[in-house]
Amino acid sequence: MSLTVTTTSFALAASTPTLLLPLDTTRRQLLRSVSSGVATFKFGSAPASATDGVVIDPTSTAGGRLLVTGADTPVDAVYAYSTSGANVTVEVGRAY
């Protein structure tokens, strides 16, 4: 199995849920990172608030990144939300 990695960055508008990635059954790696601001990520549906999902903060001990690989990688659509706006990046590894 080969893995192709794609990196995409987004500037999230304040208080506006944003679709980052569509459903993808070939996804085998997902890195979510936040370079500025605080963002909430959710799978399958858009977050309704800043606490409706996984919150990633670049000032946290994790450094604003969360990596999931292998069979645990979610294939559902990925959405993000930020109360005051944020810059986020998603890196996706797809199996072929």
N, C-alpha and C. Protein backbone atom coordinates (compact mmCIF):
# COMPACT_ATOMS: atom_id res chain seq x y z
N MET A 1 0.84 -1.18 0.00
CA MET A 1 0.00 0.00 0.00
C MET A 1 0.89 1.24 0.00
N SER A 2 0.55 2.21 -0.84
CA SER A 2 1.25 3.49 -0.90
C SER A 2 0.41 4.55 -0.23
N LEU A 3 1.08 5.56 0.29
CA LEU A 3 0.40 6.66 0.96
C LEU A 3 0.80 7.97 0.28
N THR A 4 -0.19 8.72 -0.16
CA THR A 4 0.03 10.04 -0.75
C THR A 4 -0.45 11.07 0.25
N VAL A 5 0.40 12.06 0.55
CA VAL A 5 0.07 13.05 1.57
C VAL A 5 -0.19 14.41 0.91
N THR A 6 -1.29 15.05 1.33
CA THR A 6 -1.68 16.37 0.84
C THR A 6 -1.87 17.29 2.03
N THR A 7 -1.34 18.51 1.93
CA THR A 7 -1.46 19.50 3.00
C THR A 7 -2.26 20.69 2.50
N THR A 8 -3.27 21.12 3.27
CA THR A 8 -4.10 22.25 2.91
C THR A 8 -4.29 23.15 4.13
N SER A 9 -4.15 24.45 3.92
CA SER A 9 -4.33 25.41 5.01
C SER A 9 -5.60 26.23 4.79
N PHE A 10 -6.20 26.66 5.91
CA PHE A 10 -7.44 27.42 5.88
C PHE A 10 -7.37 28.58 6.87
N ALA A 11 -7.95 29.71 6.51
CA ALA A 11 -8.15 30.81 7.45
C ALA A 11 -9.62 30.77 7.84
N LEU A 12 -9.89 30.39 9.08
CA LEU A 12 -11.28 30.27 9.54
C LEU A 12 -11.83 31.64 9.91
N ALA A 13 -13.00 31.95 9.40
CA ALA A 13 -13.69 33.19 9.79
C ALA A 13 -14.28 32.99 11.18
N ALA A 14 -14.41 34.06 11.91
CA ALA A 14 -14.95 33.99 13.27
C ALA A 14 -16.39 33.46 13.27
N SER A 15 -16.64 32.55 14.18
CA SER A 15 -17.98 32.00 14.42
C SER A 15 -18.67 31.44 13.19
N THR A 16 -17.89 30.85 12.28
CA THR A 16 -18.44 30.29 11.04
C THR A 16 -17.92 28.87 10.86
N PRO A 17 -18.76 27.84 11.01
CA PRO A 17 -18.31 26.47 10.77
C PRO A 17 -17.85 26.32 9.32
N THR A 18 -16.74 25.60 9.13
CA THR A 18 -16.15 25.46 7.80
C THR A 18 -15.87 24.00 7.50
N LEU A 19 -16.29 23.53 6.32
CA LEU A 19 -15.95 22.19 5.86
C LEU A 19 -14.51 22.21 5.38
N LEU A 20 -13.67 21.38 6.00
CA LEU A 20 -12.26 21.31 5.60
C LEU A 20 -12.01 20.16 4.63
N LEU A 21 -12.62 19.01 4.91
CA LEU A 21 -12.42 17.82 4.08
C LEU A 21 -13.72 17.06 3.93
N PRO A 22 -13.99 16.56 2.73
CA PRO A 22 -15.19 15.72 2.55
C PRO A 22 -14.93 14.31 3.07
N LEU A 23 -15.97 13.50 3.16
CA LEU A 23 -15.83 12.09 3.49
C LEU A 23 -14.84 11.47 2.52
N ASP A 24 -13.94 10.61 3.02
CA ASP A 24 -12.92 10.01 2.17
C ASP A 24 -12.53 8.65 2.76
N THR A 25 -12.98 7.58 2.14
CA THR A 25 -12.71 6.24 2.66
C THR A 25 -11.27 5.79 2.43
N THR A 26 -10.48 6.54 1.68
CA THR A 26 -9.07 6.18 1.47
C THR A 26 -8.15 6.87 2.48
N ARG A 27 -8.70 7.68 3.37
CA ARG A 27 -7.89 8.42 4.36
C ARG A 27 -7.30 7.45 5.39
N ARG A 28 -5.96 7.49 5.55
CA ARG A 28 -5.27 6.62 6.51
C ARG A 28 -4.42 7.40 7.50
N GLN A 29 -4.35 8.71 7.31
CA GLN A 29 -3.60 9.57 8.23
C GLN A 29 -4.25 10.94 8.22
N LEU A 30 -4.38 11.54 9.39
CA LEU A 30 -4.95 12.88 9.48
C LEU A 30 -4.24 13.66 10.57
N LEU A 31 -3.57 14.73 10.16
CA LEU A 31 -2.93 15.65 11.09
C LEU A 31 -3.72 16.95 11.06
N ARG A 32 -4.21 17.37 12.23
CA ARG A 32 -4.89 18.65 12.35
C ARG A 32 -4.00 19.55 13.18
N SER A 33 -3.76 20.76 12.69
CA SER A 33 -2.93 21.68 13.45
C SER A 33 -3.48 23.09 13.37
N VAL A 34 -3.18 23.86 14.41
CA VAL A 34 -3.63 25.24 14.51
C VAL A 34 -2.39 26.10 14.75
N SER A 35 -2.16 27.08 13.87
CA SER A 35 -0.97 27.93 14.02
C SER A 35 -1.28 29.23 14.76
N SER A 36 -2.52 29.69 14.68
CA SER A 36 -2.92 30.88 15.45
C SER A 36 -4.40 30.79 15.76
N GLY A 37 -4.78 31.27 16.92
CA GLY A 37 -6.17 31.16 17.35
C GLY A 37 -6.42 29.79 17.97
N VAL A 38 -7.65 29.52 18.29
CA VAL A 38 -8.07 28.24 18.85
C VAL A 38 -9.18 27.71 17.94
N ALA A 39 -9.12 26.42 17.61
CA ALA A 39 -10.13 25.85 16.70
C ALA A 39 -10.71 24.56 17.27
N THR A 40 -11.97 24.33 16.95
CA THR A 40 -12.68 23.11 17.32
C THR A 40 -12.91 22.30 16.05
N PHE A 41 -12.52 21.03 16.07
CA PHE A 41 -12.69 20.14 14.93
C PHE A 41 -13.75 19.09 15.26
N LYS A 42 -14.55 18.76 14.24
CA LYS A 42 -15.60 17.75 14.43
C LYS A 42 -15.76 16.95 13.14
N PHE A 43 -16.12 15.67 13.30
CA PHE A 43 -16.30 14.78 12.17
C PHE A 43 -17.77 14.56 11.88
N GLY A 44 -18.13 14.52 10.60
CA GLY A 44 -19.49 14.16 10.20
C GLY A 44 -20.48 15.30 10.13
N SER A 45 -20.34 16.28 10.99
CA SER A 45 -21.23 17.45 10.96
C SER A 45 -20.49 18.66 11.52
N ALA A 46 -20.97 19.82 11.18
CA ALA A 46 -20.31 21.06 11.61
C ALA A 46 -20.48 21.27 13.12
N PRO A 47 -19.45 21.78 13.80
CA PRO A 47 -19.59 22.10 15.21
C PRO A 47 -20.61 23.21 15.42
N ALA A 48 -21.44 23.07 16.44
CA ALA A 48 -22.45 24.09 16.74
C ALA A 48 -21.89 25.19 17.63
N SER A 49 -20.74 24.91 18.27
CA SER A 49 -20.13 25.89 19.17
C SER A 49 -18.65 25.58 19.33
N ALA A 50 -17.97 26.41 20.08
CA ALA A 50 -16.53 26.24 20.30
C ALA A 50 -16.19 25.02 21.15
N THR A 51 -17.20 24.41 21.79
CA THR A 51 -16.94 23.23 22.62
C THR A 51 -17.54 21.96 22.04
N ASP A 52 -18.11 22.03 20.85
CA ASP A 52 -18.76 20.89 20.20
C ASP A 52 -17.78 20.15 19.30
N GLY A 53 -16.81 19.46 19.90
CA GLY A 53 -15.80 18.74 19.14
C GLY A 53 -14.48 18.71 19.89
N VAL A 54 -13.41 18.47 19.16
CA VAL A 54 -12.07 18.43 19.74
C VAL A 54 -11.44 19.81 19.58
N VAL A 55 -11.08 20.42 20.70
CA VAL A 55 -10.50 21.76 20.70
C VAL A 55 -8.98 21.64 20.63
N ILE A 56 -8.38 22.39 19.69
CA ILE A 56 -6.92 22.41 19.56
C ILE A 56 -6.45 23.85 19.72
N ASP A 57 -5.50 24.02 20.63
CA ASP A 57 -4.95 25.33 20.98
C ASP A 57 -3.43 25.27 20.79
N PRO A 58 -2.84 26.15 19.97
CA PRO A 58 -1.39 26.08 19.74
C PRO A 58 -0.55 26.35 20.98
N THR A 59 -1.14 26.92 22.03
CA THR A 59 -0.37 27.18 23.24
C THR A 59 -0.42 26.02 24.23
N SER A 60 -1.14 24.93 23.87
CA SER A 60 -1.24 23.77 24.75
C SER A 60 0.06 22.97 24.74
N THR A 61 0.17 22.02 25.66
CA THR A 61 1.37 21.18 25.71
C THR A 61 1.51 20.30 24.48
N ALA A 62 0.41 20.03 23.78
CA ALA A 62 0.46 19.24 22.54
C ALA A 62 0.98 20.08 21.37
N GLY A 63 1.10 21.40 21.57
CA GLY A 63 1.64 22.25 20.53
C GLY A 63 0.70 22.56 19.40
N GLY A 64 -0.60 22.38 19.59
CA GLY A 64 -1.57 22.73 18.56
C GLY A 64 -1.70 21.71 17.45
N ARG A 65 -1.30 20.47 17.71
CA ARG A 65 -1.37 19.43 16.68
C ARG A 65 -2.01 18.17 17.23
N LEU A 66 -2.69 17.46 16.34
CA LEU A 66 -3.27 16.17 16.71
C LEU A 66 -3.20 15.25 15.50
N LEU A 67 -2.49 14.13 15.63
CA LEU A 67 -2.29 13.18 14.54
C LEU A 67 -3.03 11.88 14.84
N VAL A 68 -3.75 11.37 13.84
CA VAL A 68 -4.39 10.06 13.92
C VAL A 68 -3.94 9.27 12.70
N THR A 69 -3.55 8.00 12.91
CA THR A 69 -3.07 7.18 11.79
C THR A 69 -3.70 5.79 11.83
N GLY A 70 -3.59 5.11 10.71
CA GLY A 70 -4.02 3.72 10.61
C GLY A 70 -5.52 3.54 10.67
N ALA A 71 -5.93 2.42 11.28
CA ALA A 71 -7.35 2.06 11.32
C ALA A 71 -8.18 3.04 12.14
N ASP A 72 -7.54 3.81 13.03
CA ASP A 72 -8.27 4.78 13.86
C ASP A 72 -8.57 6.09 13.13
N THR A 73 -8.03 6.27 11.93
CA THR A 73 -8.22 7.51 11.21
C THR A 73 -9.67 7.68 10.77
N PRO A 74 -10.33 8.77 11.18
CA PRO A 74 -11.72 9.01 10.76
C PRO A 74 -11.80 9.29 9.25
N VAL A 75 -12.80 8.72 8.61
CA VAL A 75 -12.98 8.95 7.18
C VAL A 75 -14.14 9.91 6.91
N ASP A 76 -14.88 10.29 7.96
CA ASP A 76 -16.00 11.22 7.82
C ASP A 76 -15.51 12.60 7.40
N ALA A 77 -16.43 13.44 6.98
CA ALA A 77 -16.10 14.84 6.66
C ALA A 77 -15.52 15.50 7.90
N VAL A 78 -14.59 16.45 7.68
CA VAL A 78 -13.94 17.16 8.78
C VAL A 78 -14.34 18.62 8.72
N TYR A 79 -14.86 19.13 9.82
CA TYR A 79 -15.27 20.53 9.94
C TYR A 79 -14.46 21.21 11.02
N ALA A 80 -14.37 22.54 10.95
CA ALA A 80 -13.70 23.31 12.00
C ALA A 80 -14.51 24.56 12.32
N TYR A 81 -14.30 25.05 13.54
CA TYR A 81 -15.01 26.24 14.03
C TYR A 81 -14.07 27.00 14.95
N SER A 82 -14.12 28.32 14.88
CA SER A 82 -13.34 29.15 15.78
C SER A 82 -14.16 30.37 16.17
N THR A 83 -14.20 30.66 17.45
CA THR A 83 -14.97 31.80 17.94
C THR A 83 -14.43 33.12 17.39
N SER A 84 -13.10 33.26 17.37
CA SER A 84 -12.51 34.54 16.96
C SER A 84 -11.69 34.45 15.68
N GLY A 85 -11.75 33.32 14.98
CA GLY A 85 -10.97 33.13 13.76
C GLY A 85 -9.67 32.40 14.10
N ALA A 86 -9.18 31.62 13.15
CA ALA A 86 -7.95 30.85 13.37
C ALA A 86 -7.36 30.44 12.03
N ASN A 87 -6.08 30.12 12.06
CA ASN A 87 -5.41 29.55 10.90
C ASN A 87 -5.14 28.08 11.21
N VAL A 88 -5.68 27.19 10.36
CA VAL A 88 -5.55 25.77 10.59
C VAL A 88 -4.99 25.08 9.34
N THR A 89 -4.37 23.93 9.56
CA THR A 89 -3.84 23.13 8.47
C THR A 89 -4.26 21.69 8.69
N VAL A 90 -4.64 21.02 7.61
CA VAL A 90 -4.92 19.59 7.66
C VAL A 90 -3.98 18.89 6.69
N GLU A 91 -3.39 17.83 7.16
CA GLU A 91 -2.51 17.01 6.34
C GLU A 91 -3.14 15.63 6.27
N VAL A 92 -3.40 15.16 5.06
CA VAL A 92 -4.13 13.91 4.86
C VAL A 92 -3.27 12.93 4.10
N GLY A 93 -3.16 11.70 4.64
CA GLY A 93 -2.50 10.61 3.94
C GLY A 93 -3.56 9.68 3.40
N ARG A 94 -3.53 9.43 2.09
CA ARG A 94 -4.52 8.56 1.45
C ARG A 94 -3.83 7.30 0.92
N ALA A 95 -4.50 6.18 1.10
CA ALA A 95 -3.97 4.89 0.63
C ALA A 95 -4.40 4.63 -0.80
N TYR A 96 -3.47 4.12 -1.58
CA TYR A 96 -3.76 3.75 -2.97
C TYR A 96 -3.19 2.41 -3.28
